[in-house]
Amino acid sequence: MAFADSSSADAPVLPAALKVLIAGGFGAGKTTMVGSISEITPLSTEEVMTEASLGVDDLSGVENKTTTTVALDFGRITISPELVLYLFGTPGQERFWFMWNELAAGALGAVVLADTRRLETCFPSVDFFERRGIPFVVAVNCFDGAPNYTGTEIRKAVDLAEDVPVVLGDARDRTSCAHMLITLVQHIMRRRESAQVRETATQSTATMG
């Protein structure tokens, strides 16, 4: 199923397989998104939450959640004949953040899911990718009954750079998830194009010198 047109001769060459992280806070919808968009049966490491998590995991706003990802979620989606995305959902709870460095190895981009009921839970993911220079988009998972904000309001609240895309969507909806991923791929391509332009300009300056 082709979601994007990558036929432009001037477009930078992307690898045939692109590793993408699906990140965000606990309960933001990462497992749901991977399950909604994956063309294969997703691998999930969700476990039932036990009394051991009491006083450790912050359930504010997601009190009815009974399971949690303890390692990763994995899925795959074909964007075009030339591009396949391998999706790795990260654990959202702080006690499992040590997994992030391993999962981020080789990743070329990330979707950070934000929950407006607990917007602050996406901050660690945003900081993580900013520090590592990994391109990412912020996708607001619009839960039923959750506060509604515009993309501009979200950008200001999270203190995002102007070039970081913000999209609104529903992690339960395949088409919405596809839009999030296409937005990320386009963002990655723009970043690569900008880097190529800067490199060309540097080389031209060096040659002239």
Protein backbone atom coordinates (compact mmCIF):
# COMPACT_ATOMS: atom_id res chain seq x y z
CA MET A 1 0.00 0.00 0.00
CA ALA A 2 1.67 3.23 -1.15
CA PHE A 3 1.16 6.22 1.13
CA ALA A 4 3.68 8.63 -0.39
CA ASP A 5 5.22 9.59 -3.70
CA SER A 6 8.99 9.17 -3.60
CA SER A 7 9.51 9.26 -7.39
CA SER A 8 11.12 12.69 -7.59
CA ALA A 9 14.54 12.43 -9.21
CA ASP A 10 15.80 15.26 -7.03
CA ALA A 11 14.65 13.69 -3.76
CA PRO A 12 17.43 12.45 -1.47
CA VAL A 13 17.87 8.70 -1.44
CA LEU A 14 16.39 7.12 1.68
CA PRO A 15 17.34 3.63 2.81
CA ALA A 16 14.96 0.87 1.75
CA ALA A 17 14.25 0.10 5.40
CA LEU A 18 13.80 2.94 7.85
CA LYS A 19 13.78 2.38 11.61
CA VAL A 20 11.27 4.63 13.35
CA LEU A 21 10.58 4.95 17.07
CA ILE A 22 7.10 5.50 18.47
CA ALA A 23 7.70 7.29 21.75
CA GLY A 24 5.80 9.28 24.36
CA GLY A 25 4.59 9.08 27.91
CA PHE A 26 2.96 6.19 29.71
CA GLY A 27 -0.52 5.58 28.29
CA ALA A 28 -0.09 7.95 25.32
CA GLY A 29 -1.11 5.29 22.79
CA LYS A 30 2.17 3.86 21.49
CA THR A 31 1.10 0.21 21.55
CA THR A 32 -2.25 1.17 20.04
CA MET A 33 -0.58 3.04 17.18
CA VAL A 34 1.77 0.19 16.31
CA GLY A 35 -1.16 -2.24 16.35
CA SER A 36 -3.31 0.07 14.21
CA ILE A 37 -0.80 0.67 11.42
CA SER A 38 1.31 -2.50 11.29
CA GLU A 39 0.77 -4.71 8.25
CA ILE A 40 2.05 -7.69 10.23
CA THR A 41 0.87 -9.00 13.57
CA PRO A 42 2.76 -6.69 15.92
CA LEU A 43 5.14 -7.99 18.53
CA SER A 44 4.19 -6.59 21.91
CA THR A 45 5.77 -6.93 25.34
CA GLU A 46 2.78 -5.63 27.26
CA GLU A 47 2.40 -7.07 30.72
CA VAL A 48 -0.37 -6.79 33.29
CA MET A 49 0.40 -4.15 35.87
CA THR A 50 0.74 -5.49 39.39
CA GLU A 51 0.78 -4.09 42.89
CA ALA A 52 4.54 -3.69 42.46
CA SER A 53 3.87 -0.63 40.32
CA LEU A 54 1.85 1.11 43.03
CA GLY A 55 3.63 4.26 44.16
CA VAL A 56 6.12 3.86 41.29
CA ASP A 57 4.11 4.50 38.12
CA ASP A 58 2.16 7.73 37.73
CA LEU A 59 -1.37 6.75 36.70
CA SER A 60 -2.81 10.26 36.88
CA GLY A 61 -5.22 10.62 33.98
CA VAL A 62 -4.92 6.95 32.97
CA GLU A 63 -6.25 5.27 36.08
CA ASN A 64 -8.04 2.57 34.07
CA LYS A 65 -4.89 1.36 32.32
CA THR A 66 -4.10 -2.23 33.36
CA THR A 67 -1.14 -3.15 31.12
CA THR A 68 2.21 -1.61 30.29
CA THR A 69 4.98 -2.11 27.72
CA VAL A 70 8.09 -3.40 29.49
CA ALA A 71 10.49 -3.61 26.52
CA LEU A 72 9.17 -2.66 23.10
CA ASP A 73 6.43 -2.97 20.52
CA PHE A 74 7.38 -3.89 16.96
CA GLY A 75 5.53 -3.54 13.67
CA ARG A 76 6.10 -2.88 9.97
CA ILE A 77 4.40 -0.73 7.34
CA THR A 78 5.19 -0.30 3.63
CA ILE A 79 5.08 3.38 2.70
CA SER A 80 6.01 2.89 -0.97
CA PRO A 81 7.72 0.24 -3.13
CA GLU A 82 11.01 1.88 -2.19
CA LEU A 83 10.44 2.41 1.51
CA VAL A 84 9.46 0.20 4.42
CA LEU A 85 9.20 1.48 7.98
CA TYR A 86 10.07 -0.74 10.92
CA LEU A 87 8.29 0.60 13.97
CA PHE A 88 9.67 0.27 17.49
CA GLY A 89 7.41 1.42 20.30
CA THR A 90 9.32 2.49 23.39
CA PRO A 91 8.26 1.88 27.00
CA GLY A 92 6.74 4.99 28.53
CA GLN A 93 7.30 4.44 32.24
CA GLU A 94 10.36 6.06 33.77
CA ARG A 95 11.62 2.81 35.27
CA PHE A 96 12.03 1.40 31.71
CA TRP A 97 13.73 4.44 30.14
CA PHE A 98 17.08 2.65 30.19
CA MET A 99 15.78 0.81 27.09
CA TRP A 100 15.63 4.01 25.03
CA ASN A 101 19.33 4.18 24.14
CA GLU A 102 19.28 0.62 22.79
CA LEU A 103 16.09 1.17 20.81
CA ALA A 104 17.35 4.48 19.39
CA ALA A 105 20.45 2.87 17.84
CA GLY A 106 20.07 3.17 14.07
CA ALA A 107 16.76 5.05 14.23
CA LEU A 108 16.38 7.80 11.65
CA GLY A 109 13.29 9.38 13.14
CA ALA A 110 10.58 9.23 15.77
CA VAL A 111 6.92 9.98 16.37
CA VAL A 112 6.38 11.41 19.85
CA LEU A 113 2.79 10.80 20.92
CA ALA A 114 1.38 13.49 23.20
CA ASP A 115 -1.65 13.17 25.48
CA THR A 116 -3.22 16.54 26.31
CA ARG A 117 -4.49 15.12 29.60
CA ARG A 118 -0.86 14.68 30.70
CA LEU A 119 1.11 16.77 28.21
CA GLU A 120 4.17 16.88 30.46
CA THR A 121 4.69 13.14 29.96
CA CYS A 122 5.95 13.75 26.41
CA PHE A 123 8.71 16.14 27.56
CA PRO A 124 11.34 13.43 28.29
CA SER A 125 10.89 11.96 24.79
CA VAL A 126 11.19 15.37 23.15
CA ASP A 127 14.35 16.12 25.16
CA PHE A 128 15.81 12.70 24.30
CA PHE A 129 15.50 13.18 20.54
CA GLU A 130 16.54 16.83 20.60
CA ARG A 131 19.75 15.97 22.44
CA ARG A 132 20.60 13.23 19.93
CA GLY A 133 19.66 15.21 16.83
CA ILE A 134 17.14 12.58 15.77
CA PRO A 135 14.33 14.08 13.62
CA PHE A 136 10.91 13.73 15.21
CA VAL A 137 7.34 14.92 14.96
CA VAL A 138 4.92 15.47 17.81
CA ALA A 139 1.59 13.73 17.21
CA VAL A 140 -1.23 14.65 19.57
CA ASN A 141 -3.33 11.58 20.24
CA CYS A 142 -6.81 13.08 20.59
CA PHE A 143 -8.43 11.00 23.32
CA ASP A 144 -12.19 11.18 23.80
CA GLY A 145 -12.98 13.88 26.35
CA ALA A 146 -9.40 15.17 26.48
CA PRO A 147 -8.72 18.94 26.33
CA ASN A 148 -8.49 20.22 22.75
CA TYR A 149 -5.59 22.44 21.72
CA THR A 150 -4.33 23.70 18.39
CA GLY A 151 -0.98 22.68 16.96
CA THR A 152 0.31 26.17 17.69
CA GLU A 153 -0.70 25.88 21.35
CA ILE A 154 0.97 22.47 21.62
CA ARG A 155 4.16 23.79 20.00
CA LYS A 156 4.33 26.64 22.51
CA ALA A 157 3.56 24.43 25.52
CA VAL A 158 6.22 21.87 24.59
CA ASP A 159 8.68 24.59 23.46
CA LEU A 160 9.34 23.00 20.08
CA ALA A 161 11.61 24.36 17.38
CA GLU A 162 9.74 25.90 14.45
CA ASP A 163 10.76 23.14 12.04
CA VAL A 164 9.35 20.30 14.19
CA PRO A 165 5.95 19.27 12.75
CA VAL A 166 2.94 18.98 15.05
CA VAL A 167 0.00 16.85 13.90
CA LEU A 168 -3.32 15.97 15.51
CA GLY A 169 -4.65 12.46 15.14
CA ASP A 170 -6.05 9.25 16.58
CA ALA A 171 -3.75 6.33 17.34
CA ARG A 172 -6.70 3.95 16.87
CA ASP A 173 -7.19 4.99 13.24
CA ARG A 174 -4.93 3.51 10.55
CA THR A 175 -5.29 6.48 8.19
CA SER A 176 -4.47 8.92 10.97
CA CYS A 177 -1.39 6.89 11.94
CA ALA A 178 -0.29 6.82 8.29
CA HIS A 179 -0.51 10.62 8.20
CA MET A 180 1.73 10.83 11.28
CA LEU A 181 4.34 8.58 9.66
CA ILE A 182 4.20 10.35 6.29
CA THR A 183 4.71 13.67 8.07
CA LEU A 184 7.78 12.21 9.77
CA VAL A 185 9.23 10.83 6.51
CA GLN A 186 8.75 14.21 4.83
CA HIS A 187 10.43 15.92 7.79
CA ILE A 188 13.40 13.55 7.57
CA MET A 189 13.72 14.22 3.84
CA ARG A 190 13.65 17.99 4.38
CA ARG A 191 16.35 17.65 7.04
CA ARG A 192 18.50 15.58 4.67
CA GLU A 193 17.98 18.08 1.85
CA SER A 194 19.02 20.96 4.11
CA ALA A 195 22.10 19.05 5.23
CA GLN A 196 23.04 18.36 1.60
CA VAL A 197 22.63 22.04 0.71
CA ARG A 198 24.86 23.07 3.63
CA GLU A 199 27.47 20.47 2.67
CA THR A 200 27.47 21.64 -0.95
CA ALA A 201 27.81 25.26 0.13
CA THR A 202 30.72 24.38 2.42
CA GLN A 203 32.49 22.46 -0.33
CA SER A 204 31.97 25.34 -2.78
CA THR A 205 33.40 27.83 -0.28
CA ALA A 206 36.40 25.60 0.34
CA THR A 207 37.02 25.22 -3.41
CA MET A 208 36.80 28.96 -3.99
CA GLY A 209 39.19 29.57 -1.10
